[in-house]
């Protein structure tokens, strides 16, 4: 592993994983700027959390789990 100036080292992983201070990330063999990859990941996470809140997925999951475990005790 390169110890000096790791920003110039290309990442080895083919799917968005990279070492600390990597200037780019690979996505199926295509290199993208780390900044834009991080922005896209943040937006996708925000949209997923919005959908979970909008459709009340946590409440549905907890209701499902309650019904599942209450049937086992009977």
Protein backbone atom coordinates (compact mmCIF):
# COMPACT_ATOMS: atom_id res chain seq x y z
CA UNK A 1 0.00 0.00 0.00
CA UNK A 2 1.30 3.40 -0.94
CA UNK A 3 2.07 5.40 2.22
CA UNK A 4 3.00 8.75 0.67
CA UNK A 5 0.40 10.75 -1.29
CA UNK A 6 -2.37 8.10 -1.27
CA UNK A 7 -4.62 10.49 -3.22
CA UNK A 8 -2.78 9.49 -6.40
CA UNK A 9 -3.35 5.77 -5.87
CA UNK A 10 -6.17 4.27 -7.96
CA UNK A 11 -8.77 2.22 -6.05
CA UNK A 12 -8.71 -1.56 -6.50
CA UNK A 13 -12.40 -2.28 -5.90
CA UNK A 14 -14.75 -2.31 -8.90
CA UNK A 15 -17.86 -1.15 -6.99
CA UNK A 16 -17.61 2.22 -5.16
CA UNK A 17 -15.18 1.11 -2.45
CA UNK A 18 -11.93 2.99 -2.21
CA UNK A 19 -9.16 3.77 0.24
CA UNK A 20 -9.23 6.89 2.40
CA UNK A 21 -8.39 10.08 0.44
CA UNK A 22 -9.09 8.42 -2.92
CA UNK A 23 -9.71 11.02 -5.62
CA UNK A 24 -11.94 8.72 -7.65
CA UNK A 25 -14.12 5.64 -7.28
CA UNK A 26 -14.87 2.87 -9.74
CA UNK A 27 -18.42 1.92 -10.67
CA UNK A 28 -18.41 -1.16 -12.93
CA UNK A 29 -15.03 -0.23 -14.36
CA UNK A 30 -15.78 3.47 -14.96
CA UNK A 31 -14.03 6.04 -12.77
CA UNK A 32 -16.05 8.85 -11.16
CA UNK A 33 -15.02 11.71 -8.88
CA UNK A 34 -15.41 10.83 -5.21
CA UNK A 35 -17.27 14.07 -4.60
CA UNK A 36 -20.06 13.24 -7.08
CA UNK A 37 -20.31 9.62 -5.97
CA UNK A 38 -20.78 10.80 -2.38
CA UNK A 39 -23.42 13.34 -3.46
CA UNK A 40 -25.38 10.63 -5.31
CA UNK A 41 -25.17 8.25 -2.33
CA UNK A 42 -26.44 10.97 0.02
CA UNK A 43 -29.38 11.78 -2.30
CA UNK A 44 -30.31 8.11 -2.74
CA UNK A 45 -30.23 7.63 1.04
CA UNK A 46 -32.41 10.71 1.49
CA UNK A 47 -34.96 9.44 -1.04
CA UNK A 48 -35.03 5.98 0.59
CA UNK A 49 -35.62 7.49 4.03
CA UNK A 50 -38.34 9.79 2.63
CA UNK A 51 -40.11 6.79 1.09
CA UNK A 52 -39.84 4.88 4.38
CA UNK A 53 -41.43 7.79 6.23
CA UNK A 54 -44.09 8.44 3.59
CA UNK A 55 -45.26 4.81 3.44
CA UNK A 56 -44.83 4.32 7.22
CA UNK A 57 -42.62 1.29 6.68
CA UNK A 58 -41.36 1.19 10.28
CA UNK A 59 -44.90 1.04 11.67
CA UNK A 60 -45.86 -1.65 9.16
CA UNK A 61 -42.78 -3.69 10.05
CA UNK A 62 -43.42 -3.38 13.79
CA UNK A 63 -47.09 -4.34 13.34
CA UNK A 64 -46.05 -7.34 11.26
CA UNK A 65 -43.47 -8.41 13.87
CA UNK A 66 -46.03 -8.00 16.66
CA UNK A 67 -48.54 -10.19 14.83
CA UNK A 68 -45.87 -12.75 14.04
CA UNK A 69 -44.66 -13.08 17.63
CA UNK A 70 -48.11 -12.89 19.23
CA UNK A 71 -49.25 -15.90 17.16
CA UNK A 72 -46.27 -17.94 18.34
CA UNK A 73 -47.17 -17.45 22.03
CA UNK A 74 -50.76 -18.68 21.63
